[in-house]
Amino acid sequence: MMKINDLVNDYGLILSGKMSDENISEAKEALRVLLFDYDITPKSTDLSIPQENVRSKAIQMFFVAKKIEGCTNSTLAYYNTILTKFFTEIQTNFSDLSADDVRYYLAKMSINNHLSKCSLDNELRVLKSFFKWAFGEGYISKIPTLNIKNIKQEKRIKKPFTELQIEQMRKYLISRGILIDIAIF
């Protein structure tokens, strides 16, 4: 952003030789008063690419990279579903995404869609993979998921089958004509 004093001084240089120093000083002071409540930004001739195009290209190239890495079509379809849901829900500019945007999305999915902790963690895993890749490729300047921890899940302790349950399974297999030698007990 250009400072107002710089602009006023440049204006004074343009007027020098055309007006007296006293008139130039008055014109500069009047300009300072007029511009006091404004922010002045120099015109930029840089080529601007809309954020949506950058995001679309990043997603497309992410899928290309994942396909080359050996991801299956079903995995890519799952990734596509998650990323589509995320960017539909979160309307923030691609380059301005923050950890709060990701947390908001996960909280909303948890509340509105009643997703389990396991499902939320799977979605977070997809988002982490995408944003880490996008950062590495230069599409974004920071990884919004970097400080988001994985979602803790309750560990289930599987109980072993009892002798009675094993015997019931054997009898069931025999009654169906299935070879018991193939079954693992």
N, C-alpha and C. Protein backbone atom coordinates (compact mmCIF):
# COMPACT_ATOMS: atom_id res chain seq x y z
N MET A 1 0.84 -1.16 0.00
CA MET A 1 0.00 0.00 0.00
C MET A 1 0.90 1.24 0.00
N MET A 2 0.50 2.19 -0.79
CA MET A 2 1.29 3.42 -0.91
C MET A 2 0.92 4.37 0.22
N LYS A 3 1.92 4.99 0.80
CA LYS A 3 1.66 5.97 1.86
C LYS A 3 1.18 7.27 1.23
N ILE A 4 0.26 7.91 1.93
CA ILE A 4 -0.33 9.15 1.43
C ILE A 4 0.74 10.22 1.25
N ASN A 5 1.70 10.29 2.18
CA ASN A 5 2.76 11.31 2.07
C ASN A 5 3.57 11.12 0.79
N ASP A 6 3.82 9.86 0.42
CA ASP A 6 4.57 9.61 -0.82
C ASP A 6 3.78 10.12 -2.02
N LEU A 7 2.50 9.85 -2.02
CA LEU A 7 1.64 10.29 -3.12
C LEU A 7 1.60 11.82 -3.19
N VAL A 8 1.44 12.46 -2.04
CA VAL A 8 1.37 13.93 -1.99
C VAL A 8 2.70 14.54 -2.46
N ASN A 9 3.81 13.95 -2.03
CA ASN A 9 5.13 14.46 -2.46
C ASN A 9 5.32 14.29 -3.97
N ASP A 10 4.87 13.15 -4.51
CA ASP A 10 4.96 12.95 -5.96
C ASP A 10 4.12 14.00 -6.70
N TYR A 11 2.94 14.29 -6.13
CA TYR A 11 2.07 15.31 -6.71
C TYR A 11 2.77 16.68 -6.69
N GLY A 12 3.45 16.98 -5.59
CA GLY A 12 4.19 18.24 -5.48
C GLY A 12 5.29 18.34 -6.52
N LEU A 13 5.97 17.22 -6.81
CA LEU A 13 7.02 17.23 -7.85
C LEU A 13 6.43 17.52 -9.23
N ILE A 14 5.26 16.98 -9.48
CA ILE A 14 4.61 17.21 -10.77
C ILE A 14 4.25 18.70 -10.93
N LEU A 15 3.81 19.32 -9.83
CA LEU A 15 3.40 20.73 -9.88
C LEU A 15 4.59 21.69 -9.88
N SER A 16 5.76 21.24 -9.45
CA SER A 16 6.90 22.17 -9.38
C SER A 16 7.23 22.69 -10.78
N GLY A 17 7.49 23.97 -10.83
CA GLY A 17 7.77 24.63 -12.11
C GLY A 17 6.50 25.18 -12.75
N LYS A 18 5.34 24.69 -12.30
CA LYS A 18 4.06 25.16 -12.85
C LYS A 18 3.37 26.12 -11.90
N MET A 19 3.77 26.04 -10.61
CA MET A 19 3.16 26.89 -9.58
C MET A 19 4.25 27.38 -8.65
N SER A 20 3.88 28.35 -7.86
CA SER A 20 4.84 28.85 -6.86
C SER A 20 4.94 27.82 -5.74
N ASP A 21 6.04 27.90 -4.99
CA ASP A 21 6.24 26.96 -3.88
C ASP A 21 5.13 27.08 -2.84
N GLU A 22 4.65 28.30 -2.63
CA GLU A 22 3.59 28.51 -1.66
C GLU A 22 2.30 27.83 -2.12
N ASN A 23 1.95 27.96 -3.41
CA ASN A 23 0.75 27.31 -3.95
C ASN A 23 0.89 25.78 -3.93
N ILE A 24 2.09 25.31 -4.21
CA ILE A 24 2.33 23.86 -4.17
C ILE A 24 2.13 23.34 -2.75
N SER A 25 2.64 24.07 -1.76
CA SER A 25 2.46 23.67 -0.36
C SER A 25 0.99 23.62 0.01
N GLU A 26 0.23 24.62 -0.42
CA GLU A 26 -1.21 24.64 -0.13
C GLU A 26 -1.93 23.48 -0.82
N ALA A 27 -1.56 23.20 -2.07
CA ALA A 27 -2.19 22.10 -2.82
C ALA A 27 -1.87 20.75 -2.16
N LYS A 28 -0.62 20.61 -1.71
CA LYS A 28 -0.22 19.36 -1.05
C LYS A 28 -0.99 19.17 0.25
N GLU A 29 -1.14 20.24 1.01
CA GLU A 29 -1.87 20.16 2.28
C GLU A 29 -3.33 19.84 2.05
N ALA A 30 -3.93 20.42 1.03
CA ALA A 30 -5.34 20.14 0.70
C ALA A 30 -5.50 18.68 0.27
N LEU A 31 -4.55 18.19 -0.48
CA LEU A 31 -4.59 16.79 -0.92
C LEU A 31 -4.46 15.84 0.28
N ARG A 32 -3.58 16.18 1.22
CA ARG A 32 -3.43 15.37 2.45
C ARG A 32 -4.75 15.27 3.21
N VAL A 33 -5.44 16.41 3.33
CA VAL A 33 -6.72 16.45 4.04
C VAL A 33 -7.75 15.59 3.31
N LEU A 34 -7.81 15.71 1.98
CA LEU A 34 -8.77 14.93 1.19
C LEU A 34 -8.53 13.42 1.29
N LEU A 35 -7.27 13.04 1.31
CA LEU A 35 -6.92 11.61 1.27
C LEU A 35 -6.78 10.96 2.65
N PHE A 36 -7.02 11.71 3.70
CA PHE A 36 -6.80 11.21 5.05
C PHE A 36 -7.55 9.90 5.34
N ASP A 37 -8.79 9.78 4.90
CA ASP A 37 -9.61 8.60 5.18
C ASP A 37 -9.50 7.50 4.13
N TYR A 38 -8.54 7.57 3.24
CA TYR A 38 -8.42 6.61 2.15
C TYR A 38 -7.14 5.79 2.25
N ASP A 39 -7.21 4.57 1.75
CA ASP A 39 -6.03 3.74 1.57
C ASP A 39 -5.73 3.74 0.08
N ILE A 40 -4.52 4.05 -0.28
CA ILE A 40 -4.13 4.14 -1.68
C ILE A 40 -3.30 2.90 -2.03
N THR A 41 -3.71 2.24 -3.11
CA THR A 41 -2.99 1.06 -3.56
C THR A 41 -2.53 1.27 -4.99
N PRO A 42 -1.26 1.01 -5.28
CA PRO A 42 -0.80 1.19 -6.66
C PRO A 42 -1.49 0.17 -7.59
N LYS A 43 -1.69 0.58 -8.82
CA LYS A 43 -2.31 -0.28 -9.82
C LYS A 43 -1.36 -1.44 -10.11
N SER A 44 -1.94 -2.62 -10.23
CA SER A 44 -1.13 -3.80 -10.51
C SER A 44 -1.47 -4.32 -11.89
N THR A 45 -0.45 -4.63 -12.65
CA THR A 45 -0.67 -5.20 -13.98
C THR A 45 -0.38 -6.69 -13.99
N ASP A 46 -0.19 -7.27 -12.78
CA ASP A 46 0.05 -8.71 -12.69
C ASP A 46 -1.18 -9.46 -13.15
N LEU A 47 -0.95 -10.62 -13.73
CA LEU A 47 -2.04 -11.47 -14.17
C LEU A 47 -2.66 -12.13 -12.95
N SER A 48 -3.95 -11.99 -12.80
CA SER A 48 -4.65 -12.55 -11.65
C SER A 48 -5.43 -13.77 -12.09
N ILE A 49 -5.25 -14.88 -11.34
CA ILE A 49 -5.97 -16.11 -11.63
C ILE A 49 -7.02 -16.27 -10.56
N PRO A 50 -8.29 -16.42 -10.94
CA PRO A 50 -9.34 -16.59 -9.93
C PRO A 50 -9.05 -17.79 -9.02
N GLN A 51 -9.37 -17.62 -7.72
CA GLN A 51 -9.09 -18.66 -6.73
C GLN A 51 -9.76 -19.98 -7.07
N GLU A 52 -10.96 -19.91 -7.64
CA GLU A 52 -11.68 -21.14 -7.96
C GLU A 52 -10.93 -21.95 -9.01
N ASN A 53 -10.31 -21.26 -9.99
CA ASN A 53 -9.53 -21.96 -11.01
C ASN A 53 -8.30 -22.61 -10.40
N VAL A 54 -7.65 -21.92 -9.46
CA VAL A 54 -6.47 -22.48 -8.80
C VAL A 54 -6.87 -23.73 -8.02
N ARG A 55 -7.99 -23.63 -7.28
CA ARG A 55 -8.46 -24.77 -6.50
C ARG A 55 -8.81 -25.95 -7.41
N SER A 56 -9.53 -25.69 -8.49
CA SER A 56 -9.92 -26.76 -9.42
C SER A 56 -8.70 -27.43 -10.03
N LYS A 57 -7.73 -26.63 -10.42
CA LYS A 57 -6.51 -27.19 -11.00
C LYS A 57 -5.75 -28.01 -9.95
N ALA A 58 -5.70 -27.51 -8.72
CA ALA A 58 -5.01 -28.23 -7.65
C ALA A 58 -5.68 -29.58 -7.40
N ILE A 59 -7.00 -29.60 -7.35
CA ILE A 59 -7.71 -30.86 -7.12
C ILE A 59 -7.48 -31.82 -8.27
N GLN A 60 -7.55 -31.31 -9.48
CA GLN A 60 -7.33 -32.15 -10.66
C GLN A 60 -5.92 -32.75 -10.64
N MET A 61 -4.92 -31.94 -10.36
CA MET A 61 -3.54 -32.43 -10.34
C MET A 61 -3.30 -33.37 -9.15
N PHE A 62 -4.01 -33.16 -8.04
CA PHE A 62 -3.93 -34.06 -6.89
C PHE A 62 -4.38 -35.46 -7.29
N PHE A 63 -5.50 -35.53 -8.03
CA PHE A 63 -5.99 -36.83 -8.48
C PHE A 63 -5.02 -37.50 -9.45
N VAL A 64 -4.40 -36.71 -10.30
CA VAL A 64 -3.39 -37.26 -11.22
C VAL A 64 -2.23 -37.85 -10.42
N ALA A 65 -1.75 -37.08 -9.42
CA ALA A 65 -0.63 -37.55 -8.59
C ALA A 65 -1.01 -38.82 -7.82
N LYS A 66 -2.23 -38.86 -7.28
CA LYS A 66 -2.67 -40.03 -6.52
C LYS A 66 -2.84 -41.25 -7.42
N LYS A 67 -3.29 -41.03 -8.65
CA LYS A 67 -3.43 -42.14 -9.61
C LYS A 67 -2.05 -42.71 -9.95
N ILE A 68 -1.09 -41.82 -10.13
CA ILE A 68 0.27 -42.27 -10.43
C ILE A 68 0.85 -43.03 -9.24
N GLU A 69 0.51 -42.60 -8.01
CA GLU A 69 0.99 -43.28 -6.81
C GLU A 69 0.35 -44.66 -6.63
N GLY A 70 -0.71 -44.94 -7.40
CA GLY A 70 -1.31 -46.26 -7.35
C GLY A 70 -2.62 -46.35 -6.61
N CYS A 71 -3.27 -45.23 -6.32
CA CYS A 71 -4.58 -45.27 -5.67
C CYS A 71 -5.61 -45.88 -6.62
N THR A 72 -6.52 -46.66 -6.07
CA THR A 72 -7.56 -47.27 -6.89
C THR A 72 -8.63 -46.25 -7.25
N ASN A 73 -9.46 -46.61 -8.22
CA ASN A 73 -10.54 -45.70 -8.62
C ASN A 73 -11.53 -45.48 -7.49
N SER A 74 -11.76 -46.49 -6.66
CA SER A 74 -12.69 -46.31 -5.54
C SER A 74 -12.11 -45.35 -4.50
N THR A 75 -10.80 -45.41 -4.29
CA THR A 75 -10.15 -44.47 -3.37
C THR A 75 -10.25 -43.05 -3.91
N LEU A 76 -9.99 -42.90 -5.21
CA LEU A 76 -10.07 -41.57 -5.82
C LEU A 76 -11.50 -41.03 -5.77
N ALA A 77 -12.48 -41.91 -5.94
CA ALA A 77 -13.88 -41.49 -5.86
C ALA A 77 -14.20 -41.03 -4.43
N TYR A 78 -13.68 -41.74 -3.44
CA TYR A 78 -13.89 -41.35 -2.04
C TYR A 78 -13.24 -39.99 -1.78
N TYR A 79 -12.00 -39.81 -2.23
CA TYR A 79 -11.31 -38.52 -2.07
C TYR A 79 -12.11 -37.40 -2.73
N ASN A 80 -12.64 -37.67 -3.92
CA ASN A 80 -13.42 -36.68 -4.65
C ASN A 80 -14.68 -36.29 -3.87
N THR A 81 -15.34 -37.28 -3.29
CA THR A 81 -16.54 -37.01 -2.49
C THR A 81 -16.22 -36.11 -1.31
N ILE A 82 -15.15 -36.42 -0.60
CA ILE A 82 -14.78 -35.64 0.59
C ILE A 82 -14.40 -34.21 0.19
N LEU A 83 -13.56 -34.07 -0.82
CA LEU A 83 -13.10 -32.73 -1.23
C LEU A 83 -14.27 -31.90 -1.78
N THR A 84 -15.17 -32.54 -2.51
CA THR A 84 -16.34 -31.82 -3.03
C THR A 84 -17.22 -31.33 -1.88
N LYS A 85 -17.48 -32.21 -0.90
CA LYS A 85 -18.26 -31.80 0.27
C LYS A 85 -17.59 -30.65 1.01
N PHE A 86 -16.26 -30.76 1.20
CA PHE A 86 -15.54 -29.73 1.95
C PHE A 86 -15.64 -28.38 1.25
N PHE A 87 -15.32 -28.34 -0.04
CA PHE A 87 -15.30 -27.05 -0.73
C PHE A 87 -16.70 -26.52 -1.01
N THR A 88 -17.72 -27.37 -0.98
CA THR A 88 -19.09 -26.90 -1.09
C THR A 88 -19.50 -26.23 0.22
N GLU A 89 -19.09 -26.82 1.32
CA GLU A 89 -19.44 -26.31 2.65
C GLU A 89 -18.64 -25.07 3.02
N ILE A 90 -17.34 -25.08 2.73
CA ILE A 90 -16.44 -23.98 3.11
C ILE A 90 -16.21 -23.11 1.88
N GLN A 91 -16.67 -21.88 1.93
CA GLN A 91 -16.59 -20.98 0.79
C GLN A 91 -15.39 -20.03 0.87
N THR A 92 -14.47 -20.27 1.79
CA THR A 92 -13.29 -19.41 1.94
C THR A 92 -12.39 -19.55 0.72
N ASN A 93 -11.69 -18.47 0.36
CA ASN A 93 -10.72 -18.55 -0.73
C ASN A 93 -9.73 -19.67 -0.47
N PHE A 94 -9.35 -20.35 -1.51
CA PHE A 94 -8.46 -21.50 -1.41
C PHE A 94 -7.17 -21.15 -0.67
N SER A 95 -6.58 -20.02 -0.98
CA SER A 95 -5.31 -19.64 -0.36
C SER A 95 -5.46 -19.12 1.06
N ASP A 96 -6.70 -18.81 1.47
CA ASP A 96 -6.94 -18.27 2.81
C ASP A 96 -7.49 -19.29 3.80
N LEU A 97 -7.56 -20.55 3.42
CA LEU A 97 -8.12 -21.57 4.31
C LEU A 97 -7.29 -21.67 5.58
N SER A 98 -7.98 -21.90 6.70
CA SER A 98 -7.30 -22.00 7.99
C SER A 98 -7.73 -23.28 8.70
N ALA A 99 -7.05 -23.56 9.80
CA ALA A 99 -7.40 -24.72 10.62
C ALA A 99 -8.82 -24.57 11.15
N ASP A 100 -9.25 -23.35 11.42
CA ASP A 100 -10.61 -23.11 11.91
C ASP A 100 -11.66 -23.52 10.87
N ASP A 101 -11.36 -23.29 9.59
CA ASP A 101 -12.29 -23.71 8.53
C ASP A 101 -12.44 -25.22 8.53
N VAL A 102 -11.33 -25.93 8.67
CA VAL A 102 -11.35 -27.40 8.68
C VAL A 102 -12.09 -27.90 9.92
N ARG A 103 -11.81 -27.30 11.07
CA ARG A 103 -12.49 -27.70 12.31
C ARG A 103 -14.00 -27.44 12.21
N TYR A 104 -14.37 -26.31 11.64
CA TYR A 104 -15.79 -25.98 11.45
C TYR A 104 -16.45 -27.05 10.58
N TYR A 105 -15.80 -27.41 9.48
CA TYR A 105 -16.35 -28.43 8.58
C TYR A 105 -16.53 -29.75 9.32
N LEU A 106 -15.52 -30.19 10.06
CA LEU A 106 -15.61 -31.47 10.78
C LEU A 106 -16.71 -31.43 11.84
N ALA A 107 -16.82 -30.31 12.54
CA ALA A 107 -17.87 -30.18 13.56
C ALA A 107 -19.24 -30.21 12.91
N LYS A 108 -19.39 -29.53 11.80
CA LYS A 108 -20.68 -29.50 11.11
C LYS A 108 -21.04 -30.89 10.59
N MET A 109 -20.07 -31.62 10.05
CA MET A 109 -20.32 -32.99 9.58
C MET A 109 -20.71 -33.89 10.75
N SER A 110 -20.06 -33.69 11.87
CA SER A 110 -20.36 -34.51 13.06
C SER A 110 -21.78 -34.25 13.55
N ILE A 111 -22.18 -33.00 13.61
CA ILE A 111 -23.49 -32.64 14.15
C ILE A 111 -24.61 -32.91 13.14
N ASN A 112 -24.46 -32.39 11.92
CA ASN A 112 -25.54 -32.50 10.94
C ASN A 112 -25.67 -33.89 10.32
N ASN A 113 -24.56 -34.53 10.05
CA ASN A 113 -24.59 -35.82 9.37
C ASN A 113 -24.40 -36.99 10.32
N HIS A 114 -24.23 -36.69 11.61
CA HIS A 114 -24.06 -37.71 12.64
C HIS A 114 -22.94 -38.70 12.29
N LEU A 115 -21.82 -38.15 11.82
CA LEU A 115 -20.68 -39.01 11.47
C LEU A 115 -19.99 -39.50 12.73
N SER A 116 -19.53 -40.73 12.68
CA SER A 116 -18.80 -41.29 13.81
C SER A 116 -17.39 -40.70 13.84
N LYS A 117 -16.71 -40.93 14.95
CA LYS A 117 -15.33 -40.45 15.08
C LYS A 117 -14.45 -41.09 14.01
N CYS A 118 -14.71 -42.33 13.71
CA CYS A 118 -13.92 -43.03 12.68
C CYS A 118 -14.12 -42.37 11.31
N SER A 119 -15.36 -42.07 10.96
CA SER A 119 -15.65 -41.42 9.67
C SER A 119 -15.05 -40.02 9.61
N LEU A 120 -15.16 -39.28 10.70
CA LEU A 120 -14.55 -37.94 10.75
C LEU A 120 -13.04 -38.02 10.58
N ASP A 121 -12.42 -39.00 11.22
CA ASP A 121 -10.97 -39.16 11.11
C ASP A 121 -10.58 -39.52 9.67
N ASN A 122 -11.41 -40.33 9.02
CA ASN A 122 -11.14 -40.66 7.61
C ASN A 122 -11.23 -39.42 6.73
N GLU A 123 -12.23 -38.56 6.98
CA GLU A 123 -12.34 -37.33 6.21
C GLU A 123 -11.15 -36.40 6.48
N LEU A 124 -10.76 -36.32 7.74
CA LEU A 124 -9.60 -35.50 8.10
C LEU A 124 -8.34 -36.02 7.41
N ARG A 125 -8.21 -37.33 7.34
CA ARG A 125 -7.04 -37.94 6.68
C ARG A 125 -6.98 -37.52 5.21
N VAL A 126 -8.13 -37.51 4.53
CA VAL A 126 -8.18 -37.09 3.12
C VAL A 126 -7.79 -35.62 3.00
N LEU A 127 -8.35 -34.78 3.87
CA LEU A 127 -8.04 -33.34 3.83
C LEU A 127 -6.56 -33.09 4.11
N LYS A 128 -6.00 -33.81 5.09
CA LYS A 128 -4.57 -33.65 5.39
C LYS A 128 -3.73 -34.03 4.19
N SER A 129 -4.08 -35.13 3.55
CA SER A 129 -3.33 -35.58 2.37
C SER A 129 -3.38 -34.53 1.27
N PHE A 130 -4.57 -34.00 1.01
CA PHE A 130 -4.72 -33.01 -0.06
C PHE A 130 -3.96 -31.73 0.24
N PHE A 131 -4.13 -31.18 1.44
CA PHE A 131 -3.48 -29.91 1.76
C PHE A 131 -1.96 -30.04 1.85
N LYS A 132 -1.48 -31.17 2.33
CA LYS A 132 -0.03 -31.38 2.37
C LYS A 132 0.52 -31.43 0.94
N TRP A 133 -0.20 -32.12 0.07
CA TRP A 133 0.22 -32.19 -1.33
C TRP A 133 0.16 -30.80 -1.97
N ALA A 134 -0.95 -30.06 -1.75
CA ALA A 134 -1.12 -28.73 -2.36
C ALA A 134 -0.02 -27.78 -1.89
N PHE A 135 0.37 -27.88 -0.62
CA PHE A 135 1.46 -27.05 -0.10
C PHE A 135 2.78 -27.43 -0.77
N GLY A 136 3.04 -28.72 -0.87
CA GLY A 136 4.28 -29.18 -1.50
C GLY A 136 4.40 -28.78 -2.95
N GLU A 137 3.26 -28.66 -3.63
CA GLU A 137 3.26 -28.29 -5.04
C GLU A 137 3.18 -26.78 -5.25
N GLY A 138 3.04 -26.01 -4.16
CA GLY A 138 3.03 -24.56 -4.26
C GLY A 138 1.67 -23.94 -4.53
N TYR A 139 0.60 -24.69 -4.42
CA TYR A 139 -0.74 -24.13 -4.64
C TYR A 139 -1.20 -23.28 -3.45
N ILE A 140 -0.72 -23.61 -2.25
CA ILE A 140 -1.06 -22.84 -1.05
C ILE A 140 0.22 -22.56 -0.28
N SER A 141 0.18 -21.51 0.56
CA SER A 141 1.39 -21.10 1.27
C SER A 141 1.48 -21.67 2.68
N LYS A 142 0.39 -22.29 3.15
CA LYS A 142 0.41 -22.91 4.48
C LYS A 142 -0.52 -24.12 4.46
N ILE A 143 -0.29 -25.05 5.38
CA ILE A 143 -1.10 -26.26 5.46
C ILE A 143 -2.14 -26.05 6.56
N PRO A 144 -3.42 -25.88 6.20
CA PRO A 144 -4.42 -25.59 7.23
C PRO A 144 -4.67 -26.74 8.20
N THR A 145 -4.31 -27.95 7.83
CA THR A 145 -4.55 -29.10 8.69
C THR A 145 -3.33 -29.47 9.55
N LEU A 146 -2.28 -28.69 9.45
CA LEU A 146 -1.02 -29.04 10.12
C LEU A 146 -1.17 -29.22 11.63
N ASN A 147 -1.90 -28.33 12.29
CA ASN A 147 -2.01 -28.38 13.76
C ASN A 147 -3.27 -29.10 14.24
N ILE A 148 -3.95 -29.80 13.34
CA ILE A 148 -5.14 -30.54 13.73
C ILE A 148 -4.74 -31.99 13.99
N LYS A 149 -4.98 -32.43 15.20
CA LYS A 149 -4.63 -33.80 15.60
C LYS A 149 -5.66 -34.78 15.06
N ASN A 150 -5.24 -36.02 14.89
CA ASN A 150 -6.18 -37.07 14.49
C ASN A 150 -7.24 -37.22 15.57
N ILE A 151 -8.40 -37.65 15.17
CA ILE A 151 -9.53 -37.78 16.09
C ILE A 151 -9.39 -39.12 16.82
N LYS A 152 -9.36 -39.04 18.15
CA LYS A 152 -9.20 -40.26 18.95
C LYS A 152 -10.47 -41.08 18.91
N GLN A 153 -10.28 -42.38 18.82
CA GLN A 153 -11.40 -43.31 18.76
C GLN A 153 -11.29 -44.30 19.91
N GLU A 154 -12.42 -44.79 20.32
CA GLU A 154 -12.43 -45.78 21.38
C GLU A 154 -11.87 -47.09 20.84
N LYS A 155 -10.97 -47.68 21.62
CA LYS A 155 -10.41 -48.95 21.20
C LYS A 155 -11.35 -50.07 21.63
N ARG A 156 -11.66 -50.91 20.69
CA ARG A 156 -12.53 -52.04 20.99
C ARG A 156 -11.67 -53.26 21.27
N ILE A 157 -11.95 -53.87 22.38
CA ILE A 157 -11.24 -55.10 22.71
C ILE A 157 -12.11 -56.26 22.27
N LYS A 158 -11.60 -57.03 21.33
CA LYS A 158 -12.37 -58.15 20.80
C LYS A 158 -12.21 -59.35 21.73
N LYS A 159 -13.34 -59.89 22.10
CA LYS A 159 -13.32 -61.06 22.98
C LYS A 159 -13.12 -62.31 22.13
N PRO A 160 -12.33 -63.23 22.61
CA PRO A 160 -12.15 -64.48 21.85
C PRO A 160 -13.43 -65.32 21.94
N PHE A 161 -13.61 -66.19 20.93
CA PHE A 161 -14.75 -67.10 20.95
C PHE A 161 -14.60 -68.09 22.10
N THR A 162 -15.73 -68.43 22.67
CA THR A 162 -15.70 -69.47 23.72
C THR A 162 -15.68 -70.83 23.04
N GLU A 163 -15.38 -71.87 23.81
CA GLU A 163 -15.37 -73.23 23.26
C GLU A 163 -16.75 -73.59 22.72
N LEU A 164 -17.80 -73.15 23.41
CA LEU A 164 -19.16 -73.43 22.98
C LEU A 164 -19.46 -72.79 21.62
N GLN A 165 -19.03 -71.51 21.43
CA GLN A 165 -19.24 -70.81 20.16
C GLN A 165 -18.48 -71.49 19.03
N ILE A 166 -17.26 -71.94 19.30
CA ILE A 166 -16.47 -72.64 18.29
C ILE A 166 -17.17 -73.93 17.88
N GLU A 167 -17.69 -74.67 18.84
CA GLU A 167 -18.39 -75.92 18.56
C GLU A 167 -19.65 -75.65 17.74
N GLN A 168 -20.37 -74.57 18.04
CA GLN A 168 -21.57 -74.22 17.28
C GLN A 168 -21.21 -73.89 15.83
N MET A 169 -20.09 -73.19 15.60
CA MET A 169 -19.66 -72.87 14.24
C MET A 169 -19.28 -74.13 13.49
N ARG A 170 -18.60 -75.07 14.15
CA ARG A 170 -18.22 -76.33 13.50
C ARG A 170 -19.47 -77.09 13.07
N LYS A 171 -20.45 -77.18 13.97
CA LYS A 171 -21.68 -77.91 13.65
C LYS A 171 -22.41 -77.24 12.48
N TYR A 172 -22.43 -75.91 12.47
CA TYR A 172 -23.09 -75.19 11.38
C TYR A 172 -22.41 -75.49 10.05
N LEU A 173 -21.07 -75.47 10.05
CA LEU A 173 -20.33 -75.74 8.81
C LEU A 173 -20.57 -77.17 8.32
N ILE A 174 -20.60 -78.12 9.25
CA ILE A 174 -20.83 -79.51 8.89
C ILE A 174 -22.24 -79.65 8.31
N SER A 175 -23.23 -79.00 8.92
CA SER A 175 -24.61 -79.10 8.44
C SER A 175 -24.77 -78.50 7.04
N ARG A 176 -23.93 -77.59 6.65
CA ARG A 176 -23.97 -76.96 5.33
C ARG A 176 -23.08 -77.68 4.32
N GLY A 177 -22.36 -78.67 4.78
CA GLY A 177 -21.48 -79.41 3.88
C GLY A 177 -20.19 -78.69 3.56
N ILE A 178 -19.79 -77.76 4.39
CA ILE A 178 -18.55 -77.02 4.17
C ILE A 178 -17.43 -77.76 4.88
N LEU A 179 -16.32 -77.88 4.18
CA LEU A 179 -15.20 -78.61 4.75
C LEU A 179 -14.65 -77.88 5.97
N ILE A 180 -14.56 -78.59 7.06
CA ILE A 180 -14.05 -77.97 8.29
C ILE A 180 -12.56 -77.72 8.18
N ASP A 181 -11.87 -78.48 7.33
CA ASP A 181 -10.42 -78.31 7.20
C ASP A 181 -10.07 -76.93 6.66
N ILE A 182 -10.99 -76.35 5.87
CA ILE A 182 -10.72 -75.04 5.31
C ILE A 182 -10.91 -73.94 6.35
N ALA A 183 -11.88 -74.13 7.23
CA ALA A 183 -12.17 -73.11 8.25
C ALA A 183 -11.04 -73.03 9.26
N ILE A 184 -10.75 -71.84 9.70
CA ILE A 184 -9.70 -71.63 10.68
C ILE A 184 -10.34 -71.43 12.05
N PHE A 185 -9.94 -72.29 12.96
CA PHE A 185 -10.44 -72.16 14.34
C PHE A 185 -9.30 -72.06 15.29
